[in-house]
PDB file of N, CA and C in Angstrom:
ATOM      1  N   UNK A   1      52.994  -0.987   1.165  1.00  0.00           N
ATOM      2  CA  UNK A   1      52.462  -0.848  -0.169  1.00  0.00           C
ATOM      3  C   UNK A   1      51.186  -1.678  -0.260  1.00  0.00           C
ATOM      4  N   UNK A   2      50.128  -1.060  -0.704  1.00  0.00           N
ATOM      5  CA  UNK A   2      48.857  -1.755  -0.843  1.00  0.00           C
ATOM      6  C   UNK A   2      48.676  -2.407  -2.194  1.00  0.00           C
ATOM      7  N   UNK A   3      49.080  -1.710  -3.269  1.00  0.00           N
ATOM      8  CA  UNK A   3      48.924  -2.259  -4.619  1.00  0.00           C
ATOM      9  C   UNK A   3      49.812  -1.479  -5.581  1.00  0.00           C
ATOM     10  N   UNK A   4      50.152  -2.134  -6.687  1.00  0.00           N
ATOM     11  CA  UNK A   4      50.874  -1.494  -7.787  1.00  0.00           C
ATOM     12  C   UNK A   4      50.172  -1.906  -9.072  1.00  0.00           C
ATOM     13  N   UNK A   5      49.819  -0.923  -9.898  1.00  0.00           N
ATOM     14  CA  UNK A   5      49.145  -1.180 -11.169  1.00  0.00           C
ATOM     15  C   UNK A   5      49.918  -0.461 -12.256  1.00  0.00           C
ATOM     16  N   UNK A   6      50.238  -1.166 -13.344  1.00  0.00           N
ATOM     17  CA  UNK A   6      50.976  -0.518 -14.435  1.00  0.00           C
ATOM     18  C   UNK A   6      50.105  -0.403 -15.674  1.00  0.00           C
ATOM     19  N   UNK A   7      50.150   0.770 -16.289  1.00  0.00           N
ATOM     20  CA  UNK A   7      49.472   1.068 -17.551  1.00  0.00           C
ATOM     21  C   UNK A   7      50.582   1.334 -18.551  1.00  0.00           C
ATOM     22  N   UNK A   8      50.885   0.354 -19.392  1.00  0.00           N
ATOM     23  CA  UNK A   8      52.058   0.457 -20.253  1.00  0.00           C
ATOM     24  C   UNK A   8      51.845   1.321 -21.487  1.00  0.00           C
ATOM     25  N   UNK A   9      50.600   1.683 -21.803  1.00  0.00           N
ATOM     26  CA  UNK A   9      50.366   2.532 -22.965  1.00  0.00           C
ATOM     27  C   UNK A   9      51.036   3.898 -22.809  1.00  0.00           C
ATOM     28  N   UNK A  10      50.765   4.645 -21.708  1.00  0.00           N
ATOM     29  CA  UNK A  10      51.534   5.874 -21.490  1.00  0.00           C
ATOM     30  C   UNK A  10      52.727   5.657 -20.560  1.00  0.00           C
ATOM     31  N   UNK A  11      52.986   4.408 -20.179  1.00  0.00           N
ATOM     32  CA  UNK A  11      54.088   4.039 -19.278  1.00  0.00           C
ATOM     33  C   UNK A  11      53.942   4.710 -17.913  1.00  0.00           C
ATOM     34  N   UNK A  12      52.816   4.430 -17.278  1.00  0.00           N
ATOM     35  CA  UNK A  12      52.537   4.923 -15.932  1.00  0.00           C
ATOM     36  C   UNK A  12      52.434   3.758 -14.960  1.00  0.00           C
ATOM     37  N   UNK A  13      52.701   4.028 -13.708  1.00  0.00           N
ATOM     38  CA  UNK A  13      52.462   3.062 -12.636  1.00  0.00           C
ATOM     39  C   UNK A  13      51.734   3.779 -11.511  1.00  0.00           C
ATOM     40  N   UNK A  14      50.697   3.141 -11.009  1.00  0.00           N
ATOM     41  CA  UNK A  14      49.947   3.674  -9.882  1.00  0.00           C
ATOM     42  C   UNK A  14      50.298   2.839  -8.660  1.00  0.00           C
ATOM     43  N   UNK A  15      50.689   3.501  -7.578  1.00  0.00           N
ATOM     44  CA  UNK A  15      50.953   2.796  -6.326  1.00  0.00           C
ATOM     45  C   UNK A  15      49.951   3.273  -5.282  1.00  0.00           C
ATOM     46  N   UNK A  16      49.440   2.332  -4.508  1.00  0.00           N
ATOM     47  CA  UNK A  16      48.499   2.641  -3.435  1.00  0.00           C
ATOM     48  C   UNK A  16      49.163   2.343  -2.107  1.00  0.00           C
ATOM     49  N   UNK A  17      48.954   3.209  -1.117  1.00  0.00           N
ATOM     50  CA  UNK A  17      49.483   2.895   0.205  1.00  0.00           C
ATOM     51  C   UNK A  17      48.630   1.794   0.828  1.00  0.00           C
ATOM     52  N   UNK A  18      48.994   1.336   2.014  1.00  0.00           N
ATOM     53  CA  UNK A  18      48.399   0.135   2.587  1.00  0.00           C
ATOM     54  C   UNK A  18      46.876   0.198   2.672  1.00  0.00           C
ATOM     55  N   UNK A  19      46.289   1.266   3.100  1.00  0.00           N
ATOM     56  CA  UNK A  19      44.830   1.347   3.198  1.00  0.00           C
ATOM     57  C   UNK A  19      44.214   2.080   2.012  1.00  0.00           C
ATOM     58  N   UNK A  20      44.976   2.286   0.969  1.00  0.00           N
ATOM     59  CA  UNK A  20      44.571   2.958  -0.274  1.00  0.00           C
ATOM     60  C   UNK A  20      43.986   4.345  -0.039  1.00  0.00           C
ATOM     61  N   UNK A  21      44.500   5.055   0.942  1.00  0.00           N
ATOM     62  CA  UNK A  21      44.054   6.430   1.190  1.00  0.00           C
ATOM     63  C   UNK A  21      44.702   7.400   0.208  1.00  0.00           C
ATOM     64  N   UNK A  22      45.906   7.062  -0.251  1.00  0.00           N
ATOM     65  CA  UNK A  22      46.636   7.914  -1.193  1.00  0.00           C
ATOM     66  C   UNK A  22      47.160   7.046  -2.331  1.00  0.00           C
ATOM     67  N   UNK A  23      46.947   7.520  -3.549  1.00  0.00           N
ATOM     68  CA  UNK A  23      47.484   6.855  -4.735  1.00  0.00           C
ATOM     69  C   UNK A  23      48.493   7.801  -5.384  1.00  0.00           C
ATOM     70  N   UNK A  24      49.595   7.258  -5.842  1.00  0.00           N
ATOM     71  CA  UNK A  24      50.627   8.043  -6.522  1.00  0.00           C
ATOM     72  C   UNK A  24      50.775   7.524  -7.938  1.00  0.00           C
ATOM     73  N   UNK A  25      50.588   8.408  -8.918  1.00  0.00           N
ATOM     74  CA  UNK A  25      50.760   8.048 -10.322  1.00  0.00           C
ATOM     75  C   UNK A  25      52.166   8.447 -10.733  1.00  0.00           C
ATOM     76  N   UNK A  26      52.935   7.470 -11.178  1.00  0.00           N
ATOM     77  CA  UNK A  26      54.342   7.706 -11.520  1.00  0.00           C
ATOM     78  C   UNK A  26      54.578   7.478 -13.004  1.00  0.00           C
ATOM     79  N   UNK A  27      55.508   8.252 -13.548  1.00  0.00           N
ATOM     80  CA  UNK A  27      55.903   8.155 -14.952  1.00  0.00           C
ATOM     81  C   UNK A  27      57.043   7.152 -15.071  1.00  0.00           C
ATOM     82  N   UNK A  28      56.836   6.103 -15.855  1.00  0.00           N
ATOM     83  CA  UNK A  28      57.870   5.087 -16.047  1.00  0.00           C
ATOM     84  C   UNK A  28      58.708   5.330 -17.292  1.00  0.00           C
ATOM     85  N   UNK A  29      58.419   6.383 -18.031  1.00  0.00           N
ATOM     86  CA  UNK A  29      59.126   6.610 -19.294  1.00  0.00           C
ATOM     87  C   UNK A  29      60.508   7.222 -19.110  1.00  0.00           C
ATOM     88  N   UNK A  30      60.789   7.782 -17.931  1.00  0.00           N
ATOM     89  CA  UNK A  30      62.119   8.359 -17.723  1.00  0.00           C
ATOM     90  C   UNK A  30      63.147   7.235 -17.648  1.00  0.00           C
ATOM     91  N   UNK A  31      64.339   7.521 -18.072  1.00  0.00           N
ATOM     92  CA  UNK A  31      65.395   6.513 -18.072  1.00  0.00           C
ATOM     93  C   UNK A  31      65.980   6.379 -16.673  1.00  0.00           C
ATOM     94  N   UNK A  32      65.957   5.158 -16.170  1.00  0.00           N
ATOM     95  CA  UNK A  32      66.562   4.894 -14.873  1.00  0.00           C
ATOM     96  C   UNK A  32      68.036   4.600 -15.089  1.00  0.00           C
ATOM     97  N   UNK A  33      68.866   5.163 -14.247  1.00  0.00           N
ATOM     98  CA  UNK A  33      70.305   4.963 -14.384  1.00  0.00           C
ATOM     99  C   UNK A  33      70.796   4.022 -13.297  1.00  0.00           C
ATOM    100  N   UNK A  34      71.485   2.977 -13.722  1.00  0.00           N
ATOM    101  CA  UNK A  34      72.030   2.014 -12.773  1.00  0.00           C
ATOM    102  C   UNK A  34      73.096   2.696 -11.928  1.00  0.00           C
ATOM    103  N   UNK A  35      73.062   2.451 -10.636  1.00  0.00           N
ATOM    104  CA  UNK A  35      74.069   3.010  -9.751  1.00  0.00           C
ATOM    105  C   UNK A  35      73.697   4.338  -9.127  1.00  0.00           C
ATOM    106  N   UNK A  36      72.595   4.925  -9.549  1.00  0.00           N
ATOM    107  CA  UNK A  36      72.168   6.182  -8.925  1.00  0.00           C
ATOM    108  C   UNK A  36      71.705   5.912  -7.513  1.00  0.00           C
ATOM    109  N   UNK A  37      71.982   6.820  -6.632  1.00  0.00           N
ATOM    110  CA  UNK A  37      71.589   6.637  -5.233  1.00  0.00           C
ATOM    111  C   UNK A  37      70.298   7.364  -4.893  1.00  0.00           C
ATOM    112  N   UNK A  38      69.750   8.114  -5.838  1.00  0.00           N
ATOM    113  CA  UNK A  38      68.524   8.859  -5.541  1.00  0.00           C
ATOM    114  C   UNK A  38      67.329   7.914  -5.488  1.00  0.00           C
ATOM    115  N   UNK A  39      66.314   8.348  -4.780  1.00  0.00           N
ATOM    116  CA  UNK A  39      65.087   7.562  -4.652  1.00  0.00           C
ATOM    117  C   UNK A  39      64.234   7.759  -5.903  1.00  0.00           C
ATOM    118  N   UNK A  40      62.988   7.353  -5.817  1.00  0.00           N
ATOM    119  CA  UNK A  40      62.071   7.523  -6.932  1.00  0.00           C
ATOM    120  C   UNK A  40      61.935   8.994  -7.310  1.00  0.00           C
ATOM    121  N   UNK A  41      61.604   9.240  -8.563  1.00  0.00           N
ATOM    122  CA  UNK A  41      61.277  10.600  -8.971  1.00  0.00           C
ATOM    123  C   UNK A  41      59.934  10.973  -8.345  1.00  0.00           C
ATOM    124  N   UNK A  42      59.665  12.242  -8.286  1.00  0.00           N
ATOM    125  CA  UNK A  42      58.394  12.707  -7.724  1.00  0.00           C
ATOM    126  C   UNK A  42      57.238  12.185  -8.573  1.00  0.00           C
ATOM    127  N   UNK A  43      56.107  11.869  -7.952  1.00  0.00           N
ATOM    128  CA  UNK A  43      54.965  11.372  -8.721  1.00  0.00           C
ATOM    129  C   UNK A  43      54.392  12.446  -9.636  1.00  0.00           C
ATOM    130  N   UNK A  44      53.815  12.002 -10.761  1.00  0.00           N
ATOM    131  CA  UNK A  44      53.121  12.911 -11.676  1.00  0.00           C
ATOM    132  C   UNK A  44      51.869  13.478 -11.027  1.00  0.00           C
ATOM    133  N   UNK A  45      51.229  12.646 -10.218  1.00  0.00           N
ATOM    134  CA  UNK A  45      49.939  13.015  -9.658  1.00  0.00           C
ATOM    135  C   UNK A  45      49.752  12.297  -8.324  1.00  0.00           C
ATOM    136  N   UNK A  46      49.220  13.007  -7.344  1.00  0.00           N
ATOM    137  CA  UNK A  46      48.841  12.408  -6.067  1.00  0.00           C
ATOM    138  C   UNK A  46      47.327  12.464  -5.974  1.00  0.00           C
ATOM    139  N   UNK A  47      46.706  11.308  -5.739  1.00  0.00           N
ATOM    140  CA  UNK A  47      45.248  11.213  -5.727  1.00  0.00           C
ATOM    141  C   UNK A  47      44.809  10.740  -4.351  1.00  0.00           C
ATOM    142  N   UNK A  48      43.932  11.484  -3.715  1.00  0.00           N
ATOM    143  CA  UNK A  48      43.395  11.086  -2.408  1.00  0.00           C
ATOM    144  C   UNK A  48      42.138  10.252  -2.617  1.00  0.00           C
ATOM    145  N   UNK A  49      42.007   9.196  -1.845  1.00  0.00           N
ATOM    146  CA  UNK A  49      40.808   8.369  -1.855  1.00  0.00           C
ATOM    147  C   UNK A  49      39.879   8.920  -0.781  1.00  0.00           C
ATOM    148  N   UNK A  50      38.811   9.567  -1.201  1.00  0.00           N
ATOM    149  CA  UNK A  50      37.909  10.215  -0.254  1.00  0.00           C
ATOM    150  C   UNK A  50      36.887   9.252   0.339  1.00  0.00           C
ATOM    151  N   UNK A  51      36.846   8.028  -0.168  1.00  0.00           N
ATOM    152  CA  UNK A  51      35.956   7.016   0.389  1.00  0.00           C
ATOM    153  C   UNK A  51      36.743   6.250   1.453  1.00  0.00           C
ATOM    154  N   UNK A  52      36.776   6.760   2.654  1.00  0.00           N
ATOM    155  CA  UNK A  52      37.640   6.214   3.705  1.00  0.00           C
ATOM    156  C   UNK A  52      37.210   4.842   4.202  1.00  0.00           C
ATOM    157  N   UNK A  53      36.074   4.349   3.750  1.00  0.00           N
ATOM    158  CA  UNK A  53      35.629   3.038   4.207  1.00  0.00           C
ATOM    159  C   UNK A  53      36.019   1.924   3.236  1.00  0.00           C
ATOM    160  N   UNK A  54      36.639   2.261   2.106  1.00  0.00           N
ATOM    161  CA  UNK A  54      37.047   1.244   1.134  1.00  0.00           C
ATOM    162  C   UNK A  54      38.566   1.136   1.131  1.00  0.00           C
ATOM    163  N   UNK A  55      39.070  -0.063   1.348  1.00  0.00           N
ATOM    164  CA  UNK A  55      40.506  -0.331   1.275  1.00  0.00           C
ATOM    165  C   UNK A  55      40.770  -1.179   0.035  1.00  0.00           C
ATOM    166  N   UNK A  56      41.136  -0.547  -1.072  1.00  0.00           N
ATOM    167  CA  UNK A  56      41.415  -1.288  -2.307  1.00  0.00           C
ATOM    168  C   UNK A  56      42.717  -2.050  -2.153  1.00  0.00           C
ATOM    169  N   UNK A  57      42.707  -3.292  -2.567  1.00  0.00           N
ATOM    170  CA  UNK A  57      43.893  -4.145  -2.526  1.00  0.00           C
ATOM    171  C   UNK A  57      43.867  -5.032  -3.765  1.00  0.00           C
ATOM    172  N   UNK A  58      44.964  -5.664  -4.058  1.00  0.00           N
ATOM    173  CA  UNK A  58      45.026  -6.662  -5.126  1.00  0.00           C
ATOM    174  C   UNK A  58      44.394  -6.158  -6.423  1.00  0.00           C
ATOM    175  N   UNK A  59      44.921  -5.075  -6.960  1.00  0.00           N
ATOM    176  CA  UNK A  59      44.373  -4.455  -8.162  1.00  0.00           C
ATOM    177  C   UNK A  59      45.032  -5.006  -9.426  1.00  0.00           C
ATOM    178  N   UNK A  60      44.261  -5.044 -10.507  1.00  0.00           N
ATOM    179  CA  UNK A  60      44.741  -5.515 -11.806  1.00  0.00           C
ATOM    180  C   UNK A  60      44.288  -4.530 -12.872  1.00  0.00           C
ATOM    181  N   UNK A  61      45.225  -4.057 -13.704  1.00  0.00           N
ATOM    182  CA  UNK A  61      44.882  -3.135 -14.789  1.00  0.00           C
ATOM    183  C   UNK A  61      44.083  -3.893 -15.839  1.00  0.00           C
ATOM    184  N   UNK A  62      42.938  -3.338 -16.253  1.00  0.00           N
ATOM    185  CA  UNK A  62      42.082  -3.985 -17.246  1.00  0.00           C
ATOM    186  C   UNK A  62      42.239  -3.406 -18.638  1.00  0.00           C
ATOM    187  N   UNK A  63      42.590  -2.138 -18.740  1.00  0.00           N
ATOM    188  CA  UNK A  63      42.711  -1.505 -20.047  1.00  0.00           C
ATOM    189  C   UNK A  63      41.969  -0.181 -20.079  1.00  0.00           C
ATOM    190  N   UNK A  64      41.676   0.247 -21.308  1.00  0.00           N
ATOM    191  CA  UNK A  64      40.995   1.527 -21.516  1.00  0.00           C
ATOM    192  C   UNK A  64      39.733   1.287 -22.326  1.00  0.00           C
ATOM    193  N   UNK A  65      38.615   1.822 -21.858  1.00  0.00           N
ATOM    194  CA  UNK A  65      37.322   1.610 -22.498  1.00  0.00           C
ATOM    195  C   UNK A  65      37.080   2.656 -23.584  1.00  0.00           C
ATOM    196  N   UNK A  66      37.035   2.208 -24.837  1.00  0.00           N
ATOM    197  CA  UNK A  66      36.767   3.120 -25.952  1.00  0.00           C
ATOM    198  C   UNK A  66      35.384   3.742 -25.805  1.00  0.00           C
ATOM    199  N   UNK A  67      34.447   2.971 -25.331  1.00  0.00           N
ATOM    200  CA  UNK A  67      33.070   3.431 -25.192  1.00  0.00           C
ATOM    201  C   UNK A  67      32.938   4.624 -24.246  1.00  0.00           C
ATOM    202  N   UNK A  68      33.826   4.715 -23.266  1.00  0.00           N
ATOM    203  CA  UNK A  68      33.735   5.770 -22.254  1.00  0.00           C
ATOM    204  C   UNK A  68      34.863   6.792 -22.357  1.00  0.00           C
ATOM    205  N   UNK A  69      35.492   6.929 -23.520  1.00  0.00           N
ATOM    206  CA  UNK A  69      36.525   7.945 -23.711  1.00  0.00           C
ATOM    207  C   UNK A  69      37.920   7.516 -23.312  1.00  0.00           C
ATOM    208  N   UNK A  70      38.165   6.220 -23.240  1.00  0.00           N
ATOM    209  CA  UNK A  70      39.489   5.648 -22.970  1.00  0.00           C
ATOM    210  C   UNK A  70      40.061   5.948 -21.585  1.00  0.00           C
ATOM    211  N   UNK A  71      39.264   5.964 -20.516  1.00  0.00           N
ATOM    212  CA  UNK A  71      39.877   6.114 -19.188  1.00  0.00           C
ATOM    213  C   UNK A  71      40.567   4.811 -18.792  1.00  0.00           C
ATOM    214  N   UNK A  72      41.683   4.883 -18.080  1.00  0.00           N
ATOM    215  CA  UNK A  72      42.339   3.655 -17.620  1.00  0.00           C
ATOM    216  C   UNK A  72      41.565   3.065 -16.435  1.00  0.00           C
ATOM    217  N   UNK A  73      41.224   1.785 -16.536  1.00  0.00           N
ATOM    218  CA  UNK A  73      40.385   1.137 -15.528  1.00  0.00           C
ATOM    219  C   UNK A  73      41.132  -0.037 -14.894  1.00  0.00           C
ATOM    220  N   UNK A  74      40.993  -0.176 -13.581  1.00  0.00           N
ATOM    221  CA  UNK A  74      41.558  -1.325 -12.879  1.00  0.00           C
ATOM    222  C   UNK A  74      40.456  -2.016 -12.083  1.00  0.00           C
ATOM    223  N   UNK A  75      40.652  -3.296 -11.837  1.00  0.00           N
ATOM    224  CA  UNK A  75      39.750  -4.086 -11.014  1.00  0.00           C
ATOM    225  C   UNK A  75      40.440  -4.297  -9.673  1.00  0.00           C
ATOM    226  N   UNK A  76      39.782  -3.905  -8.589  1.00  0.00           N
ATOM    227  CA  UNK A  76      40.381  -4.022  -7.253  1.00  0.00           C
ATOM    228  C   UNK A  76      39.458  -4.798  -6.328  1.00  0.00           C
ATOM    229  N   UNK A  77      40.055  -5.671  -5.552  1.00  0.00           N
ATOM    230  CA  UNK A  77      39.306  -6.278  -4.459  1.00  0.00           C
ATOM    231  C   UNK A  77      39.631  -5.479  -3.206  1.00  0.00           C
ATOM    232  N   UNK A  78      38.845  -5.677  -2.181  1.00  0.00           N
ATOM    233  CA  UNK A  78      39.119  -4.937  -0.962  1.00  0.00           C
ATOM    234  C   UNK A  78      38.093  -5.202   0.100  1.00  0.00           C
ATOM    235  N   UNK A  79      38.233  -4.476   1.179  1.00  0.00           N
ATOM    236  CA  UNK A  79      37.299  -4.597   2.290  1.00  0.00           C
ATOM    237  C   UNK A  79      36.689  -3.237   2.576  1.00  0.00           C
ATOM    238  N   UNK A  80      35.555  -3.259   3.216  1.00  0.00           N
ATOM    239  CA  UNK A  80      34.871  -2.009   3.543  1.00  0.00           C
ATOM    240  C   UNK A  80      34.206  -2.135   4.903  1.00  0.00           C
ATOM    241  N   UNK A  81      34.132  -1.035   5.597  1.00  0.00           N
ATOM    242  CA  UNK A  81      33.388  -0.923   6.852  1.00  0.00           C
ATOM    243  C   UNK A  81      32.412   0.231   6.688  1.00  0.00           C
ATOM    244  N   UNK A  82      31.255  -0.019   6.082  1.00  0.00           N
ATOM    245  CA  UNK A  82      30.330   1.071   5.768  1.00  0.00           C
ATOM    246  C   UNK A  82      29.671   1.671   7.006  1.00  0.00           C
ATOM    247  N   UNK A  83      30.305   2.684   7.549  1.00  0.00           N
ATOM    248  CA  UNK A  83      29.705   3.434   8.641  1.00  0.00           C
ATOM    249  C   UNK A  83      29.966   2.914  10.039  1.00  0.00           C
ATOM    250  N   UNK A  84      30.287   1.646  10.180  1.00  0.00           N
ATOM    251  CA  UNK A  84      30.533   1.142  11.532  1.00  0.00           C
ATOM    252  C   UNK A  84      31.557   0.017  11.488  1.00  0.00           C
ATOM    253  N   UNK A  85      32.291  -0.111  12.536  1.00  0.00           N
ATOM    254  CA  UNK A  85      33.355  -1.109  12.614  1.00  0.00           C
ATOM    255  C   UNK A  85      32.787  -2.515  12.764  1.00  0.00           C
ATOM    256  N   UNK A  86      31.575  -2.640  13.288  1.00  0.00           N
ATOM    257  CA  UNK A  86      30.993  -3.953  13.547  1.00  0.00           C
ATOM    258  C   UNK A  86      30.715  -4.744  12.272  1.00  0.00           C
ATOM    259  N   UNK A  87      30.555  -4.063  11.148  1.00  0.00           N
ATOM    260  CA  UNK A  87      30.256  -4.740   9.896  1.00  0.00           C
ATOM    261  C   UNK A  87      31.398  -4.537   8.912  1.00  0.00           C
ATOM    262  N   UNK A  88      32.097  -5.608   8.601  1.00  0.00           N
ATOM    263  CA  UNK A  88      33.180  -5.558   7.625  1.00  0.00           C
ATOM    264  C   UNK A  88      32.779  -6.452   6.464  1.00  0.00           C
ATOM    265  N   UNK A  89      32.794  -5.896   5.258  1.00  0.00           N
ATOM    266  CA  UNK A  89      32.421  -6.667   4.075  1.00  0.00           C
ATOM    267  C   UNK A  89      33.540  -6.600   3.050  1.00  0.00           C
ATOM    268  N   UNK A  90      33.561  -7.541   2.153  1.00  0.00           N
ATOM    269  CA  UNK A  90      34.546  -7.547   1.077  1.00  0.00           C
ATOM    270  C   UNK A  90      33.843  -7.462  -0.261  1.00  0.00           C
ATOM    271  N   UNK A  91      34.596  -7.140  -1.288  1.00  0.00           N
ATOM    272  CA  UNK A  91      33.998  -7.055  -2.604  1.00  0.00           C
ATOM    273  C   UNK A  91      35.018  -6.659  -3.643  1.00  0.00           C
ATOM    274  N   UNK A  92      34.528  -6.427  -4.857  1.00  0.00           N
ATOM    275  CA  UNK A  92      35.386  -5.979  -5.945  1.00  0.00           C
ATOM    276  C   UNK A  92      34.781  -4.730  -6.563  1.00  0.00           C
ATOM    277  N   UNK A  93      35.629  -3.926  -7.215  1.00  0.00           N
ATOM    278  CA  UNK A  93      35.153  -2.686  -7.828  1.00  0.00           C
ATOM    279  C   UNK A  93      35.987  -2.363  -9.055  1.00  0.00           C
ATOM    280  N   UNK A  94      35.358  -1.725 -10.023  1.00  0.00           N
ATOM    281  CA  UNK A  94      36.064  -1.135 -11.155  1.00  0.00           C
ATOM    282  C   UNK A  94      36.416   0.286 -10.753  1.00  0.00           C
ATOM    283  N   UNK A  95      37.693   0.649 -10.877  1.00  0.00           N
ATOM    284  CA  UNK A  95      38.174   1.938 -10.388  1.00  0.00           C
ATOM    285  C   UNK A  95      38.955   2.640 -11.491  1.00  0.00           C
ATOM    286  N   UNK A  96      38.710   3.943 -11.672  1.00  0.00           N
ATOM    287  CA  UNK A  96      39.471   4.744 -12.622  1.00  0.00           C
ATOM    288  C   UNK A  96      40.870   4.966 -12.051  1.00  0.00           C
ATOM    289  N   UNK A  97      41.902   4.605 -12.810  1.00  0.00           N
ATOM    290  CA  UNK A  97      43.286   4.699 -12.339  1.00  0.00           C
ATOM    291  C   UNK A  97      43.691   6.142 -12.060  1.00  0.00           C
ATOM    292  N   UNK A  98      43.233   7.090 -12.871  1.00  0.00           N
ATOM    293  CA  UNK A  98      43.686   8.475 -12.763  1.00  0.00           C
ATOM    294  C   UNK A  98      42.900   9.317 -11.768  1.00  0.00           C
ATOM    295  N   UNK A  99      41.732   8.843 -11.329  1.00  0.00           N
ATOM    296  CA  UNK A  99      40.920   9.644 -10.405  1.00  0.00           C
ATOM    297  C   UNK A  99      40.507   8.882  -9.147  1.00  0.00           C
ATOM    298  N   UNK A 100      40.698   7.567  -9.125  1.00  0.00           N
ATOM    299  CA  UNK A 100      40.280   6.699  -8.019  1.00  0.00           C
ATOM    300  C   UNK A 100      38.764   6.706  -7.833  1.00  0.00           C
ATOM    301  N   UNK A 101      38.010   7.100  -8.857  1.00  0.00           N
ATOM    302  CA  UNK A 101      36.551   7.077  -8.805  1.00  0.00           C
ATOM    303  C   UNK A 101      36.085   5.659  -9.110  1.00  0.00           C
ATOM    304  N   UNK A 102      35.189   5.140  -8.267  1.00  0.00           N
ATOM    305  CA  UNK A 102      34.619   3.813  -8.486  1.00  0.00           C
ATOM    306  C   UNK A 102      33.520   3.937  -9.521  1.00  0.00           C
ATOM    307  N   UNK A 103      33.534   3.023 -10.494  1.00  0.00           N
ATOM    308  CA  UNK A 103      32.496   3.058 -11.536  1.00  0.00           C
ATOM    309  C   UNK A 103      31.207   2.549 -10.989  1.00  0.00           C
TER     310      UNK A 103
END
């Protein structure tokens, strides 16, 4: 697991795999039953990260920007290898939770 971000307004959780290549948006509003043996419910949305050189990690939900139409935004730190393995850099980015688009 690379990161978990929760947006409690619509009761969603976003999970990122280790290199943040795939994000899964899950609905937390369903009632969980104690003692059930089934795994997680299927995700509401699967989002592919097409920027293969950015590995988002350590994400924090920031909220929704009224100015930009209320998209859910998270702040993520991570590492990048822009075009070549010899150069590895780190940084932070504002990322849309529902589309994985970097602002």
